[in-house]
Amino acid sequence: MAYGVVLLFEGVSEEQYWAVNARMGIDEEGSTGWPDALISHTAALTDTGLAVSEIWESKDDQERFLAERLGPALEGAQVEPPAQVIELDVFNYQHPG
């Protein structure tokens, strides 16, 4: 079963989002640097900061990415970890193509 997660960041701007992605080697065009196990990724500004919604092949894949890439990139860009994490048991999603 796929694993979904919504990460809610308070006070984080679009510029900070791109700075974190750059630290992970993910370009703004979205053509390089994405983990193989990531099925879907969306980022959007909210009234209080930034929301990131992702679907992963498994929870283990997401946790490994958090520990190995996202966590260090957040720290390096001086961005606080998400204020809230919402876990989702995804039962229906569509692969593009």
C-alpha atoms as a PDB file:
ATOM      1  CA  MET A   1       0.000   0.000   0.000  1.00  0.00           C
ATOM      2  CA  ALA A   2       1.263   3.472  -0.840  1.00  0.00           C
ATOM      3  CA  TYR A   3       2.047   5.913   1.949  1.00  0.00           C
ATOM      4  CA  GLY A   4       1.016   9.556   1.920  1.00  0.00           C
ATOM      5  CA  VAL A   5       2.222  12.416   4.051  1.00  0.00           C
ATOM      6  CA  VAL A   6       1.351  16.099   4.365  1.00  0.00           C
ATOM      7  CA  LEU A   7       4.041  18.298   5.901  1.00  0.00           C
ATOM      8  CA  LEU A   8       2.900  21.689   7.209  1.00  0.00           C
ATOM      9  CA  PHE A   9       5.661  24.268   7.676  1.00  0.00           C
ATOM     10  CA  GLU A  10       5.000  27.513   9.526  1.00  0.00           C
ATOM     11  CA  GLY A  11       6.533  30.733   8.232  1.00  0.00           C
ATOM     12  CA  VAL A  12       8.311  29.061   5.298  1.00  0.00           C
ATOM     13  CA  SER A  13       8.430  30.932   1.996  1.00  0.00           C
ATOM     14  CA  GLU A  14       8.647  29.704  -1.591  1.00  0.00           C
ATOM     15  CA  GLU A  15      12.257  30.915  -1.686  1.00  0.00           C
ATOM     16  CA  GLN A  16      13.107  28.746   1.319  1.00  0.00           C
ATOM     17  CA  TYR A  17      11.381  25.773  -0.327  1.00  0.00           C
ATOM     18  CA  TRP A  18      13.624  26.130  -3.390  1.00  0.00           C
ATOM     19  CA  ALA A  19      16.711  26.602  -1.194  1.00  0.00           C
ATOM     20  CA  VAL A  20      15.998  23.292   0.558  1.00  0.00           C
ATOM     21  CA  ASN A  21      15.433  21.563  -2.792  1.00  0.00           C
ATOM     22  CA  ALA A  22      18.718  22.951  -4.119  1.00  0.00           C
ATOM     23  CA  ARG A  23      20.543  21.455  -1.118  1.00  0.00           C
ATOM     24  CA  MET A  24      19.041  18.075  -2.031  1.00  0.00           C
ATOM     25  CA  GLY A  25      20.018  18.378  -5.706  1.00  0.00           C
ATOM     26  CA  ILE A  26      16.445  18.817  -6.937  1.00  0.00           C
ATOM     27  CA  ASP A  27      16.227  21.402  -9.703  1.00  0.00           C
ATOM     28  CA  GLU A  28      13.368  23.862 -10.184  1.00  0.00           C
ATOM     29  CA  GLU A  29      12.367  22.247 -13.486  1.00  0.00           C
ATOM     30  CA  GLY A  30      11.800  18.982 -11.638  1.00  0.00           C
ATOM     31  CA  SER A  31      13.967  16.958 -13.979  1.00  0.00           C
ATOM     32  CA  THR A  32      16.692  15.798 -11.573  1.00  0.00           C
ATOM     33  CA  GLY A  33      17.202  14.752  -7.996  1.00  0.00           C
ATOM     34  CA  TRP A  34      13.841  13.228  -7.089  1.00  0.00           C
ATOM     35  CA  PRO A  35      13.967   9.943  -5.157  1.00  0.00           C
ATOM     36  CA  ASP A  36      12.878   6.876  -7.129  1.00  0.00           C
ATOM     37  CA  ALA A  37      10.298   5.841  -4.502  1.00  0.00           C
ATOM     38  CA  LEU A  38       8.479   9.198  -4.632  1.00  0.00           C
ATOM     39  CA  ILE A  39       5.234   8.819  -6.594  1.00  0.00           C
ATOM     40  CA  SER A  40       3.828  12.338  -6.248  1.00  0.00           C
ATOM     41  CA  HIS A  41       4.942  15.681  -4.760  1.00  0.00           C
ATOM     42  CA  THR A  42       3.070  18.974  -4.488  1.00  0.00           C
ATOM     43  CA  ALA A  43       4.069  22.148  -2.653  1.00  0.00           C
ATOM     44  CA  ALA A  44       1.735  25.077  -2.012  1.00  0.00           C
ATOM     45  CA  LEU A  45       1.757  28.257   0.034  1.00  0.00           C
ATOM     46  CA  THR A  46      -0.779  28.548   2.836  1.00  0.00           C
ATOM     47  CA  ASP A  47      -1.910  31.427   5.058  1.00  0.00           C
ATOM     48  CA  THR A  48       0.745  30.434   7.601  1.00  0.00           C
ATOM     49  CA  GLY A  49       3.573  29.002   5.488  1.00  0.00           C
ATOM     50  CA  LEU A  50       3.975  26.002   3.237  1.00  0.00           C
ATOM     51  CA  ALA A  51       2.195  22.676   2.739  1.00  0.00           C
ATOM     52  CA  VAL A  52       3.919  19.738   1.043  1.00  0.00           C
ATOM     53  CA  SER A  53       1.873  16.713   0.049  1.00  0.00           C
ATOM     54  CA  GLU A  54       3.601  13.509  -1.086  1.00  0.00           C
ATOM     55  CA  ILE A  55       2.792   9.932  -2.009  1.00  0.00           C
ATOM     56  CA  TRP A  56       5.548   7.360  -1.544  1.00  0.00           C
ATOM     57  CA  GLU A  57       5.852   3.700  -2.415  1.00  0.00           C
ATOM     58  CA  SER A  58       6.199   2.969   1.325  1.00  0.00           C
ATOM     59  CA  LYS A  59       6.543   4.639   4.705  1.00  0.00           C
ATOM     60  CA  ASP A  60      10.085   3.246   4.978  1.00  0.00           C
ATOM     61  CA  ASP A  61      11.041   5.062   1.761  1.00  0.00           C
ATOM     62  CA  GLN A  62       9.722   8.368   3.079  1.00  0.00           C
ATOM     63  CA  GLU A  63      11.408   7.943   6.456  1.00  0.00           C
ATOM     64  CA  ARG A  64      14.743   7.123   4.787  1.00  0.00           C
ATOM     65  CA  PHE A  65      14.441  10.238   2.592  1.00  0.00           C
ATOM     66  CA  LEU A  66      13.643  12.358   5.655  1.00  0.00           C
ATOM     67  CA  ALA A  67      16.641  11.043   7.582  1.00  0.00           C
ATOM     68  CA  GLU A  68      19.177  11.051   4.750  1.00  0.00           C
ATOM     69  CA  ARG A  69      18.218  14.045   2.603  1.00  0.00           C
ATOM     70  CA  LEU A  70      15.352  16.263   3.774  1.00  0.00           C
ATOM     71  CA  GLY A  71      16.359  16.582   7.430  1.00  0.00           C
ATOM     72  CA  PRO A  72      19.952  17.640   6.674  1.00  0.00           C
ATOM     73  CA  ALA A  73      18.763  19.981   3.884  1.00  0.00           C
ATOM     74  CA  LEU A  74      16.282  21.709   6.221  1.00  0.00           C
ATOM     75  CA  GLU A  75      18.995  22.149   8.816  1.00  0.00           C
ATOM     76  CA  GLY A  76      21.486  23.446   6.246  1.00  0.00           C
ATOM     77  CA  ALA A  77      18.986  25.987   4.916  1.00  0.00           C
ATOM     78  CA  GLN A  78      18.023  26.968   8.483  1.00  0.00           C
ATOM     79  CA  VAL A  79      14.400  25.942   7.969  1.00  0.00           C
ATOM     80  CA  GLU A  80      12.520  24.541  10.953  1.00  0.00           C
ATOM     81  CA  PRO A  81      11.107  21.018  10.631  1.00  0.00           C
ATOM     82  CA  PRO A  82       7.400  20.758   9.836  1.00  0.00           C
ATOM     83  CA  ALA A  83       5.089  22.019  12.564  1.00  0.00           C
ATOM     84  CA  GLN A  84       2.627  19.259  11.719  1.00  0.00           C
ATOM     85  CA  VAL A  85       2.875  15.921   9.911  1.00  0.00           C
ATOM     86  CA  ILE A  86      -0.296  14.226   8.701  1.00  0.00           C
ATOM     87  CA  GLU A  87       0.108  10.579   7.705  1.00  0.00           C
ATOM     88  CA  LEU A  88      -2.202   9.055   5.092  1.00  0.00           C
ATOM     89  CA  ASP A  89      -2.886   5.441   4.139  1.00  0.00           C
ATOM     90  CA  VAL A  90      -3.348   5.968   0.422  1.00  0.00           C
ATOM     91  CA  PHE A  91      -5.679   3.514  -1.298  1.00  0.00           C
ATOM     92  CA  ASN A  92      -6.242   5.215  -4.657  1.00  0.00           C
ATOM     93  CA  TYR A  93      -3.768   7.136  -6.782  1.00  0.00           C
ATOM     94  CA  GLN A  94      -2.999   7.350 -10.477  1.00  0.00           C
ATOM     95  CA  HIS A  95       0.400   7.108 -12.100  1.00  0.00           C
ATOM     96  CA  PRO A  96       0.878   9.651 -14.895  1.00  0.00           C
ATOM     97  CA  GLY A  97       1.033   8.235 -18.415  1.00  0.00           C
END
